């Protein structure tokens, strides 16, 4: 028999969850240890989340999920001109009046 030290706060948080699953804390720990044995390692991915900046001068980056956010192909000048063409409203009533007139 071994002794394992467990943070009291996390123990209090997970105990009701495990009880809902019909498991004791001891059973859950044993399941975890068996999974380590079966997987020959931790049974889930351990990694630091990070963002990789591309230094392209446009703020492009690869996010923590591996998705490329490529702003180099965006024409910010066109977007700015389009935004200036759009109407702005001081309140909802002005917006609703404009919508009703269309």
Foldseek 3Di string as FASTA:
>chain_A
DDDDDDDPVVQVVCQVVQVVVVHGPVRVVVVQVVCCVVVVHRNDDDDDFDKAFPPPVQRWIQGSVRDTDDRPPPDVVVVVVVVVPDDDDPDVVVVVVVVVVD
